[in-house]
Amino acid sequence: MRKPTAAEKTGGFRREDRRMRSRQFLITFLVVGSILASSWGMIATLAAASDKDDGYRGIWFTLGQFSEYGDKYSGGLGTYTANHVPIAYYCPAVQKTFFVYGGAKEGKRHLLNMVSYYDHVRKTVPRPTIVHDKQGVDDPHDNPALWVDGDGYLWVFVSGRMRIRPGFIYRSREPYSIEDFELVSEREITYPQPHWMEGEGFLHLFTKYTKGRELYFSTSPDGRDWSPDQKFAGMGGHYQTSWQKGKVVFTAFNYHPGGNVDRRTNLYYIQTDDLGKTWRNVRGEALELPLSDPHNPALVRDYEAEKRLVYIHDVDWDDQGRPVILFITSGSYKPGPEGDPRWWTVAHWLGEEWAFYEITPANHNYSTGMLDVRPGMWRVIGPTETGPQPIGAGGEIAIWVSTDEGRNWQRNRTVTMSSWFNHNYVRRPVNAHPEFFALWADGNPDRFSESHLYFTNESGDTVFRLPYVMQRDEAPPDCLSPGSAGDDRAAE
């Protein structure tokens, strides 16, 4: 592949003129000094919110926890994790799908929190905007989430990590615009999951590293003034995935026995329709928070008793408002045959009990997809097929369809094939437009590589690859031949 010239690469921060006036120097000194003295122990981004990148490059990452069959997870993780929700949002008022992702400086493991959009009228994307430069951090746990409020303002929630890196909340200065963002809040938040209720404001679900990865929520009428953080689950730790229908926010989560993420198990479900004032289980029973006993009324299934691990991907409702949860079950936290059989699985509330249906075997604990539930058709889009790096996370993307509410599944279409790298972390937009139905990234899980970003339409018969290097301010994404992705890179 042609390497971009030095002029094409994204520039770093501009150094202040050494001959700046003394007053400017004093102000800069005081600001930087106060940041360095903060309890976070790091410097917040100094880049202007309106800085642009010259292409769409996803972050590559390796966790560094290796066993016989490679790292626990690694690869192109620009749309990681399933706990950053949502990352894309279609706005019919301007006919654009806005999205955020973990970007990277060309040739480097240097995380940039990016925002952009696909223009459904012009069929183009602009140069993406750097909302926040992570100053050398390479960890996609710090990726962003996105919400668009009722007035069209974009809110980018940048994740922190544990208690050593803070989270940040940014707001666009103009509705439906990615040109400039203001920093409105710096908070302890990891795995951000913002939701907006018209006329009421934000309900934000997130994680804090208190006694393990515990689940919290906070509310705000305007995104600036936030209520005190309230814990709603603290059983040693949790990973959650949430969604919203109208004014109902619902979340599915697991738990970590003894605070050990490698023992993640069990499945739980709760929901609220009053901005977190009351949380209920699937039967409508009010819950006493925080949940502290693993055997509580929110429990969907006791996988701990079955010695099975649970990796949650997505959650949705059927047409009767009954939850459907997508997840993988596994026998081990390690990659390779020790964890087999692994299964892509859905749980469906039938009104009186939960039903569980296996879709297809999974190759890896961290091969992650999305769920879309419509009347008469349920779809799972994810890396269910063997990829070019078969023992790593991800693979080739396929669409699985059920027409009987999850009881039986058939592979409807193979979306990618003959790819150079594994594809992973397929994510769905809010209000998804048929032209931009799923978003993901690729990358080599076995060694450092470039990482492209892709989206596909609702039927999965067309795949678009976002331009890795842009020569102009806007460009159309590459339309790849049906059933392929990445196999034409040698021609670039």
Protein backbone atom coordinates (compact mmCIF):
# COMPACT_ATOMS: atom_id res chain seq x y z
CA MET A 1 0.00 0.00 0.00
CA ARG A 2 1.29 3.52 -0.77
CA LYS A 3 2.51 5.27 2.35
CA PRO A 4 1.29 8.82 2.85
CA THR A 5 3.87 11.53 2.47
CA ALA A 6 4.98 13.56 5.42
CA ALA A 7 2.70 16.36 4.25
CA GLU A 8 -0.25 14.01 4.27
CA LYS A 9 0.28 12.84 7.81
CA THR A 10 -1.61 14.43 10.67
CA GLY A 11 0.51 17.03 12.35
CA GLY A 12 1.19 17.10 16.07
CA PHE A 13 0.68 19.99 18.40
CA ARG A 14 2.11 23.33 17.39
CA ARG A 15 4.75 24.59 19.78
CA GLU A 16 4.26 28.01 21.24
CA ASP A 17 6.50 30.69 19.80
CA ARG A 18 9.41 31.03 22.20
CA ARG A 19 9.21 34.75 21.76
CA MET A 20 5.61 34.95 22.91
CA ARG A 21 4.81 37.88 25.08
CA SER A 22 5.40 37.41 28.79
CA ARG A 23 1.71 37.57 29.61
CA GLN A 24 0.90 34.78 27.20
CA PHE A 25 3.73 32.72 28.64
CA LEU A 26 2.51 33.29 32.19
CA ILE A 27 -1.03 32.22 31.31
CA THR A 28 0.22 29.11 29.57
CA PHE A 29 2.52 28.29 32.46
CA LEU A 30 -0.27 28.58 35.00
CA VAL A 31 -2.70 26.52 32.96
CA VAL A 32 -0.25 23.72 32.26
CA GLY A 33 1.00 23.78 35.83
CA SER A 34 -2.49 23.44 37.24
CA ILE A 35 -3.21 20.52 34.97
CA LEU A 36 0.01 18.76 35.93
CA ALA A 37 -0.86 19.25 39.57
CA SER A 38 -4.29 17.70 39.21
CA SER A 39 -5.05 14.40 40.86
CA TRP A 40 -5.46 12.75 37.49
CA GLY A 41 -1.73 12.90 36.94
CA MET A 42 -2.00 13.63 33.23
CA ILE A 43 -2.36 16.51 30.80
CA ALA A 44 -5.73 17.06 29.19
CA THR A 45 -5.67 17.52 25.45
CA LEU A 46 -4.13 20.73 24.17
CA ALA A 47 -5.28 20.23 20.60
CA ALA A 48 -7.95 22.51 19.25
CA ALA A 49 -11.27 20.75 18.95
CA SER A 50 -11.48 21.75 15.31
CA ASP A 51 -8.25 20.01 14.25
CA LYS A 52 -8.80 17.69 11.30
CA ASP A 53 -7.18 14.44 10.30
CA ASP A 54 -6.44 13.57 6.69
CA GLY A 55 -8.10 10.16 6.63
CA TYR A 56 -9.86 7.41 8.54
CA ARG A 57 -7.37 5.26 10.45
CA GLY A 58 -8.50 3.08 13.34
CA ILE A 59 -6.47 2.39 16.46
CA TRP A 60 -4.61 -0.93 16.69
CA PHE A 61 -4.12 -2.46 20.12
CA THR A 62 -2.81 -5.51 21.92
CA LEU A 63 -3.72 -6.21 25.52
CA GLY A 64 -0.45 -8.06 26.09
CA GLN A 65 -1.92 -11.03 27.97
CA PHE A 66 -0.58 -13.92 25.91
CA SER A 67 -1.22 -17.62 26.17
CA GLU A 68 -0.59 -20.55 23.82
CA TYR A 69 -3.10 -19.23 21.26
CA GLY A 70 -2.10 -15.60 21.27
CA ASP A 71 -3.21 -12.47 23.10
CA LYS A 72 -6.48 -12.40 25.01
CA TYR A 73 -7.58 -9.84 22.45
CA SER A 74 -5.91 -7.56 19.92
CA GLY A 75 -6.33 -6.09 16.45
CA GLY A 76 -8.11 -3.13 14.90
CA LEU A 77 -10.26 -1.74 17.70
CA GLY A 78 -11.54 1.58 16.39
CA THR A 79 -15.15 0.60 17.21
CA TYR A 80 -14.32 -1.13 20.51
CA THR A 81 -15.94 -1.82 23.01
CA ALA A 82 -19.49 -3.12 23.12
CA ASN A 83 -19.65 -1.09 26.34
CA HIS A 84 -19.23 2.27 24.55
CA VAL A 85 -22.84 2.93 23.52
CA PRO A 86 -23.83 4.28 21.07
CA ILE A 87 -21.10 5.26 18.61
CA ALA A 88 -23.25 6.22 15.61
CA TYR A 89 -26.47 8.20 15.18
CA TYR A 90 -28.56 8.92 12.08
CA CYS A 91 -30.17 12.38 11.99
CA PRO A 92 -32.99 12.62 9.43
CA ALA A 93 -33.14 16.42 9.76
CA VAL A 94 -29.82 16.71 7.92
CA GLN A 95 -29.70 13.23 6.34
CA LYS A 96 -26.36 12.39 7.93
CA THR A 97 -25.12 9.50 10.02
CA PHE A 98 -22.73 10.88 12.63
CA PHE A 99 -20.23 8.50 14.20
CA VAL A 100 -17.26 8.42 16.55
CA TYR A 101 -14.34 6.03 16.67
CA GLY A 102 -10.89 5.49 18.09
CA GLY A 103 -8.53 6.85 15.47
CA ALA A 104 -4.76 6.78 15.27
CA LYS A 105 -1.87 8.77 13.92
CA GLU A 106 -0.54 7.14 10.79
CA GLY A 107 1.95 4.41 11.61
CA LYS A 108 1.61 4.89 15.37
CA ARG A 109 -0.29 3.43 18.28
CA HIS A 110 -1.49 6.88 19.33
CA LEU A 111 -5.19 7.24 20.14
CA LEU A 112 -7.25 10.08 18.72
CA ASN A 113 -10.94 10.43 19.64
CA MET A 114 -12.57 11.13 16.28
CA VAL A 115 -15.97 12.25 15.01
CA SER A 116 -17.33 12.44 11.49
CA TYR A 117 -20.43 11.75 9.41
CA TYR A 118 -21.64 10.14 6.22
CA ASP A 119 -23.72 12.48 4.06
CA HIS A 120 -26.56 10.41 2.58
CA VAL A 121 -27.30 13.10 -0.03
CA ARG A 122 -23.78 13.76 -1.29
CA LYS A 123 -22.63 10.16 -0.63
CA THR A 124 -19.41 11.49 0.87
CA VAL A 125 -17.52 11.83 4.13
CA PRO A 126 -15.53 14.90 5.25
CA ARG A 127 -12.11 14.92 6.82
CA PRO A 128 -12.76 13.62 10.36
CA THR A 129 -12.43 15.91 13.37
CA ILE A 130 -10.08 15.22 16.26
CA VAL A 131 -12.22 15.90 19.32
CA HIS A 132 -9.59 14.80 21.82
CA ASP A 133 -5.96 13.72 21.48
CA LYS A 134 -5.09 11.14 24.13
CA GLN A 135 -1.49 12.36 24.29
CA GLY A 136 0.24 9.08 23.53
CA VAL A 137 -2.30 6.71 25.10
CA ASP A 138 -2.81 3.73 22.78
CA ASP A 139 -5.63 2.03 24.69
CA PRO A 140 -9.06 1.86 22.95
CA HIS A 141 -10.75 1.55 26.33
CA ASP A 142 -10.49 5.35 26.01
CA ASN A 143 -12.63 5.38 22.86
CA PRO A 144 -15.64 7.73 22.68
CA ALA A 145 -19.42 7.36 22.64
CA LEU A 146 -21.88 9.71 20.94
CA TRP A 147 -25.34 11.19 21.40
CA VAL A 148 -27.23 13.84 19.42
CA ASP A 149 -29.68 15.80 21.55
CA GLY A 150 -33.08 17.15 20.55
CA ASP A 151 -31.59 20.42 19.29
CA GLY A 152 -29.05 18.66 17.08
CA TYR A 153 -25.98 19.21 19.22
CA LEU A 154 -23.43 16.40 19.17
CA TRP A 155 -22.21 15.17 22.55
CA VAL A 156 -18.99 13.16 22.56
CA PHE A 157 -18.32 11.22 25.77
CA VAL A 158 -14.63 10.30 25.87
CA SER A 159 -13.94 7.36 28.14
CA GLY A 160 -11.30 7.41 30.84
CA ARG A 161 -9.58 4.34 32.19
CA MET A 162 -9.73 3.09 35.76
CA ARG A 163 -8.90 5.93 38.18
CA ILE A 164 -5.73 7.08 36.43
CA ARG A 165 -7.20 8.74 33.32
CA PRO A 166 -10.32 10.93 33.42
CA GLY A 167 -13.22 10.97 31.02
CA PHE A 168 -14.28 14.06 29.10
CA ILE A 169 -17.60 15.32 27.77
CA TYR A 170 -17.58 17.52 24.66
CA ARG A 171 -20.43 19.36 22.92
CA SER A 172 -20.48 20.67 19.37
CA ARG A 173 -20.66 24.44 19.17
CA GLU A 174 -23.24 24.28 16.40
CA PRO A 175 -26.10 21.82 15.75
CA TYR A 176 -25.30 18.93 13.41
CA SER A 177 -21.73 20.17 13.03
CA ILE A 178 -18.35 18.52 13.58
CA GLU A 179 -16.35 21.70 13.01
CA ASP A 180 -15.74 22.74 16.60
CA PHE A 181 -16.30 21.26 20.06
CA GLU A 182 -16.19 22.69 23.55
CA LEU A 183 -15.08 20.76 26.60
CA VAL A 184 -17.94 20.93 29.10
CA SER A 185 -16.95 18.39 31.75
CA GLU A 186 -14.09 16.27 33.05
CA ARG A 187 -15.27 13.33 35.15
CA GLU A 188 -14.40 9.86 36.33
CA ILE A 189 -16.18 7.82 33.66
CA THR A 190 -15.28 4.62 31.86
CA TYR A 191 -17.39 2.82 29.26
CA PRO A 192 -19.73 5.80 28.62
CA GLN A 193 -23.32 5.09 27.60
CA PRO A 194 -25.27 8.38 27.26
CA HIS A 195 -29.02 8.47 26.64
CA TRP A 196 -31.20 11.54 26.07
CA MET A 197 -34.86 12.01 26.95
CA GLU A 198 -36.55 14.92 25.19
CA GLY A 199 -37.62 17.57 27.67
CA GLU A 200 -35.75 15.89 30.53
CA GLY A 201 -32.09 15.59 29.62
CA PHE A 202 -29.38 12.96 29.94
CA LEU A 203 -29.33 9.64 31.71
CA HIS A 204 -25.72 8.49 31.54
CA LEU A 205 -24.72 4.94 32.42
CA PHE A 206 -21.03 4.30 33.04
CA THR A 207 -18.43 2.43 35.07
CA LYS A 208 -16.29 3.54 38.00
CA TYR A 209 -13.42 1.53 39.44
CA THR A 210 -14.52 1.60 43.03
CA LYS A 211 -14.75 -1.98 44.32
CA GLY A 212 -14.08 -3.51 40.94
CA ARG A 213 -15.75 -2.25 37.77
CA GLU A 214 -19.01 -1.10 39.33
CA LEU A 215 -21.97 0.38 37.44
CA TYR A 216 -23.22 3.91 38.03
CA PHE A 217 -25.59 6.43 36.52
CA SER A 218 -25.93 10.18 36.60
CA THR A 219 -28.49 12.61 35.16
CA SER A 220 -28.27 16.10 33.75
CA PRO A 221 -30.84 18.49 32.28
CA ASP A 222 -28.26 20.13 30.03
CA GLY A 223 -25.08 18.02 29.95
CA ARG A 224 -23.25 20.52 32.13
CA ASP A 225 -24.67 20.14 35.62
CA TRP A 226 -24.75 16.48 36.70
CA SER A 227 -26.40 14.77 39.64
CA PRO A 228 -24.17 12.85 42.07
CA ASP A 229 -23.08 9.48 40.71
CA GLN A 230 -25.38 6.68 41.88
CA LYS A 231 -24.24 3.08 41.99
CA PHE A 232 -26.75 0.55 40.70
CA ALA A 233 -24.67 -2.64 40.57
CA GLY A 234 -21.73 -3.61 42.76
CA MET A 235 -21.19 -7.34 42.91
CA GLY A 236 -17.45 -7.35 42.34
CA GLY A 237 -17.59 -5.81 38.89
CA HIS A 238 -19.64 -5.76 35.70
CA TYR A 239 -19.67 -5.08 31.97
CA GLN A 240 -22.90 -3.67 30.57
CA THR A 241 -24.50 -2.85 27.23
CA SER A 242 -27.56 -0.58 27.09
CA TRP A 243 -30.06 0.82 24.61
CA GLN A 244 -33.06 3.14 24.56
CA LYS A 245 -36.63 2.97 23.25
CA GLY A 246 -38.57 6.18 23.76
CA LYS A 247 -38.07 7.14 27.40
CA VAL A 248 -37.12 3.64 28.49
CA VAL A 249 -33.44 2.90 28.98
CA PHE A 250 -32.53 -0.74 29.49
CA THR A 251 -29.26 -2.49 30.17
CA ALA A 252 -27.90 -6.04 30.25
CA PHE A 253 -24.81 -6.88 32.26
CA ASN A 254 -22.72 -9.70 33.70
CA TYR A 255 -20.78 -9.89 36.96
CA HIS A 256 -17.17 -10.58 37.95
CA PRO A 257 -16.85 -12.96 40.91
CA GLY A 258 -14.25 -11.65 43.32
CA GLY A 259 -13.62 -8.72 40.98
CA ASN A 260 -11.96 -11.03 38.44
CA VAL A 261 -12.89 -10.08 34.85
CA ASP A 262 -11.61 -13.44 33.63
CA ARG A 263 -14.46 -15.09 35.55
CA ARG A 264 -17.23 -12.87 34.10
CA THR A 265 -20.47 -14.77 34.21
CA ASN A 266 -24.24 -14.59 34.76
CA LEU A 267 -26.66 -12.39 32.86
CA TYR A 268 -28.79 -9.57 34.31
CA TYR A 269 -31.36 -7.14 32.92
CA ILE A 270 -32.91 -3.95 34.34
CA GLN A 271 -34.73 -0.90 32.93
CA THR A 272 -35.98 2.56 33.88
CA ASP A 273 -38.63 4.84 32.39
CA ASP A 274 -38.22 7.80 34.74
CA LEU A 275 -34.61 8.91 34.24
CA GLY A 276 -33.26 6.49 36.82
CA LYS A 277 -35.58 7.36 39.68
CA THR A 278 -36.89 3.79 39.63
CA TRP A 279 -35.22 0.71 38.20
CA ARG A 280 -37.18 -2.46 37.53
CA ASN A 281 -36.48 -6.02 36.47
CA VAL A 282 -38.08 -7.63 33.43
CA ARG A 283 -41.25 -8.43 35.40
CA GLY A 284 -41.74 -4.77 36.31
CA GLU A 285 -40.73 -5.24 39.93
CA ALA A 286 -38.96 -2.27 41.52
CA LEU A 287 -35.38 -3.01 42.54
CA GLU A 288 -33.50 -1.90 45.61
CA LEU A 289 -30.19 -0.41 44.50
CA PRO A 290 -27.35 -0.96 44.40
CA LEU A 291 -27.59 -4.62 43.52
CA SER A 292 -25.02 -6.37 45.71
CA ASP A 293 -26.05 -10.04 45.81
CA PRO A 294 -25.43 -12.03 42.59
CA HIS A 295 -28.70 -13.87 43.18
CA ASN A 296 -31.10 -10.94 42.87
CA PRO A 297 -34.40 -10.29 41.03
CA ALA A 298 -32.57 -8.91 37.97
CA LEU A 299 -30.85 -12.25 37.27
CA VAL A 300 -31.63 -13.64 33.81
CA ARG A 301 -29.58 -16.84 34.06
CA ASP A 302 -27.12 -18.28 36.56
CA TYR A 303 -24.26 -19.12 34.21
CA GLU A 304 -21.88 -19.28 37.15
CA ALA A 305 -23.55 -22.49 38.26
CA GLU A 306 -23.00 -23.85 34.74
CA LYS A 307 -19.33 -22.80 34.77
CA ARG A 308 -19.84 -20.65 31.68
CA LEU A 309 -18.46 -17.21 30.97
CA VAL A 310 -20.60 -14.45 29.43
CA TYR A 311 -19.47 -11.76 26.92
CA ILE A 312 -22.32 -9.34 26.18
CA HIS A 313 -22.62 -7.67 22.75
CA ASP A 314 -25.97 -5.92 22.38
CA VAL A 315 -29.53 -5.59 23.65
CA ASP A 316 -32.79 -4.68 21.94
CA TRP A 317 -36.57 -5.04 22.28
CA ASP A 318 -39.03 -7.04 20.23
CA ASP A 319 -42.22 -5.43 18.94
CA GLN A 320 -43.96 -6.09 22.27
CA GLY A 321 -41.30 -4.37 24.32
CA ARG A 322 -39.72 -7.61 25.51
CA PRO A 323 -35.91 -7.63 25.76
CA VAL A 324 -33.57 -9.62 23.53
CA ILE A 325 -29.91 -9.91 24.55
CA LEU A 326 -27.00 -10.96 22.30
CA PHE A 327 -23.90 -12.50 23.90
CA ILE A 328 -21.26 -15.21 23.62
CA THR A 329 -20.84 -17.99 26.16
CA SER A 330 -17.47 -19.62 26.68
CA GLY A 331 -15.65 -22.16 28.80
CA SER A 332 -12.46 -20.14 29.34
CA TYR A 333 -11.13 -16.59 29.24
CA LYS A 334 -8.21 -17.79 27.14
CA PRO A 335 -8.32 -17.93 23.33
CA GLY A 336 -8.11 -21.32 21.69
CA PRO A 337 -9.85 -24.67 22.17
CA GLU A 338 -9.85 -24.50 25.96
CA GLY A 339 -12.92 -22.26 25.76
CA ASP A 340 -14.86 -24.39 23.27
CA PRO A 341 -17.65 -24.73 22.65
CA ARG A 342 -18.29 -21.01 22.41
CA TRP A 343 -21.72 -19.95 21.18
CA TRP A 344 -23.28 -16.80 19.81
CA THR A 345 -26.49 -16.78 21.87
CA VAL A 346 -29.67 -14.74 22.30
CA ALA A 347 -31.85 -14.55 25.39
CA HIS A 348 -35.51 -13.56 24.83
CA TRP A 349 -38.08 -12.68 27.46
CA LEU A 350 -41.34 -14.46 26.58
CA GLY A 351 -43.51 -12.71 29.15
CA GLU A 352 -43.24 -15.31 31.89
CA GLU A 353 -39.79 -16.79 31.36
CA TRP A 354 -36.55 -16.37 29.47
CA ALA A 355 -35.76 -18.47 26.41
CA PHE A 356 -32.20 -19.05 25.18
CA TYR A 357 -31.23 -19.88 21.61
CA GLU A 358 -27.81 -20.65 20.16
CA ILE A 359 -27.09 -19.07 16.79
CA THR A 360 -23.69 -20.38 15.63
CA PRO A 361 -20.33 -21.36 17.16
CA ALA A 362 -17.93 -18.51 17.99
CA ASN A 363 -14.21 -18.61 17.28
CA HIS A 364 -13.20 -16.23 20.06
CA ASN A 365 -14.56 -14.59 23.20
CA TYR A 366 -14.04 -11.12 21.77
CA SER A 367 -15.53 -11.61 18.32
CA THR A 368 -18.28 -9.04 18.67
CA GLY A 369 -21.39 -8.17 16.68
CA MET A 370 -24.68 -6.28 16.73
CA LEU A 371 -28.34 -7.17 17.10
CA ASP A 372 -31.27 -5.70 15.19
CA VAL A 373 -34.80 -6.81 16.13
CA ARG A 374 -37.67 -5.98 13.76
CA PRO A 375 -41.18 -7.47 13.51
CA GLY A 376 -40.83 -10.73 11.62
CA MET A 377 -37.06 -10.52 11.29
CA TRP A 378 -34.21 -10.56 13.78
CA ARG A 379 -30.68 -9.97 12.52
CA VAL A 380 -27.24 -10.53 13.98
CA ILE A 381 -24.34 -8.99 12.06
CA GLY A 382 -20.90 -10.00 13.22
CA PRO A 383 -17.59 -11.78 12.58
CA THR A 384 -18.96 -15.32 12.68
CA GLU A 385 -16.92 -16.69 9.74
CA THR A 386 -13.28 -17.79 9.70
CA GLY A 387 -11.00 -14.88 8.92
CA PRO A 388 -7.45 -14.56 7.60
CA GLN A 389 -6.09 -14.70 11.19
CA PRO A 390 -8.23 -17.61 12.38
CA ILE A 391 -7.14 -17.85 16.02
CA GLY A 392 -7.42 -14.10 16.68
CA ALA A 393 -10.48 -12.11 17.62
CA GLY A 394 -12.82 -11.29 14.75
CA GLY A 395 -13.12 -12.81 11.30
CA GLU A 396 -15.27 -12.34 8.22
CA ILE A 397 -18.61 -10.57 8.65
CA ALA A 398 -21.90 -12.38 8.06
CA ILE A 399 -25.60 -11.66 8.58
CA TRP A 400 -27.68 -14.23 10.45
CA VAL A 401 -31.46 -14.03 10.29
CA SER A 402 -34.30 -15.48 12.35
CA THR A 403 -37.95 -15.22 11.29
CA ASP A 404 -39.34 -17.08 14.32
CA GLU A 405 -38.20 -14.81 17.16
CA GLY A 406 -34.78 -16.33 17.62
CA ARG A 407 -35.67 -20.01 17.75
CA ASN A 408 -33.90 -20.85 14.49
CA TRP A 409 -31.17 -18.96 12.64
CA GLN A 410 -29.79 -19.08 9.13
CA ARG A 411 -26.80 -17.35 7.63
CA ASN A 412 -28.42 -14.97 5.19
CA ARG A 413 -25.34 -13.42 3.65
CA THR A 414 -21.56 -13.36 3.91
CA VAL A 415 -20.73 -9.67 3.92
CA THR A 416 -16.92 -9.88 3.64
CA MET A 417 -14.57 -12.55 2.34
CA SER A 418 -10.94 -12.88 1.18
CA SER A 419 -9.99 -10.05 3.51
CA TRP A 420 -6.45 -9.17 4.44
CA PHE A 421 -7.26 -8.73 8.12
CA ASN A 422 -9.94 -9.82 10.57
CA HIS A 423 -13.00 -7.60 10.96
CA ASN A 424 -14.45 -7.01 14.42
CA TYR A 425 -16.70 -4.99 16.71
CA VAL A 426 -19.67 -4.50 14.42
CA ARG A 427 -21.79 -1.70 15.85
CA ARG A 428 -25.27 -0.35 15.04
CA PRO A 429 -26.31 3.29 14.81
CA VAL A 430 -29.25 4.82 16.61
CA ASN A 431 -32.09 5.30 14.07
CA ALA A 432 -30.00 3.36 11.56
CA HIS A 433 -30.45 4.43 7.94
CA PRO A 434 -30.66 1.54 5.43
CA GLU A 435 -27.52 2.86 3.69
CA PHE A 436 -25.45 2.93 6.90
CA PHE A 437 -26.63 -0.01 8.96
CA ALA A 438 -23.48 -1.32 10.66
CA LEU A 439 -20.01 0.09 11.36
CA TRP A 440 -16.77 -1.75 12.17
CA ALA A 441 -12.98 -1.85 11.81
CA ASP A 442 -10.41 -4.37 10.65
CA GLY A 443 -6.87 -5.17 11.72
CA ASN A 444 -4.38 -7.99 12.15
CA PRO A 445 -4.74 -9.48 15.65
CA ASP A 446 -1.37 -11.24 15.32
CA ARG A 447 0.82 -8.18 14.76
CA PHE A 448 0.67 -4.42 14.41
CA SER A 449 -1.11 -3.35 11.23
CA GLU A 450 -3.07 -0.55 9.66
CA SER A 451 -6.77 -0.52 10.47
CA HIS A 452 -9.52 0.59 8.11
CA LEU A 453 -13.12 1.44 8.98
CA TYR A 454 -16.15 0.07 7.10
CA PHE A 455 -19.89 0.28 6.98
CA THR A 456 -22.52 -1.74 5.18
CA ASN A 457 -26.10 -1.26 4.11
CA GLU A 458 -29.11 -3.04 5.60
CA SER A 459 -29.05 -5.98 3.21
CA GLY A 460 -25.30 -6.41 3.54
CA ASP A 461 -24.80 -6.57 -0.22
CA THR A 462 -22.60 -3.47 -0.35
CA VAL A 463 -19.58 -2.67 1.82
CA PHE A 464 -18.01 0.77 1.99
CA ARG A 465 -14.49 1.43 3.22
CA LEU A 466 -13.72 4.89 4.57
CA PRO A 467 -10.75 6.59 2.87
CA TYR A 468 -7.48 5.90 4.68
CA VAL A 469 -5.84 9.01 3.21
CA MET A 470 -7.81 11.97 1.83
CA GLN A 471 -6.46 14.46 -0.71
CA ARG A 472 -9.52 16.73 -0.50
CA ASP A 473 -11.85 18.00 2.20
CA GLU A 474 -14.48 15.40 1.30
CA ALA A 475 -14.47 12.14 -0.58
CA PRO A 476 -16.77 9.21 -1.29
CA PRO A 477 -16.01 6.01 0.60
CA ASP A 478 -14.62 3.13 -1.44
CA CYS A 479 -17.45 0.88 -2.62
CA LEU A 480 -16.10 -2.67 -2.49
CA SER A 481 -17.26 -5.55 -4.62
CA PRO A 482 -19.98 -7.70 -3.02
CA GLY A 483 -18.68 -10.15 -0.46
CA SER A 484 -15.19 -8.68 -0.28
CA ALA A 485 -13.26 -6.28 1.90
CA GLY A 486 -9.61 -5.42 1.82
CA ASP A 487 -8.67 -7.63 -1.12
CA ASP A 488 -7.92 -4.69 -3.41
CA ARG A 489 -5.39 -2.91 -1.21
CA ALA A 490 -2.47 -3.95 -3.38
CA ALA A 491 -3.90 -1.71 -6.08
CA GLU A 492 -3.76 1.41 -3.92
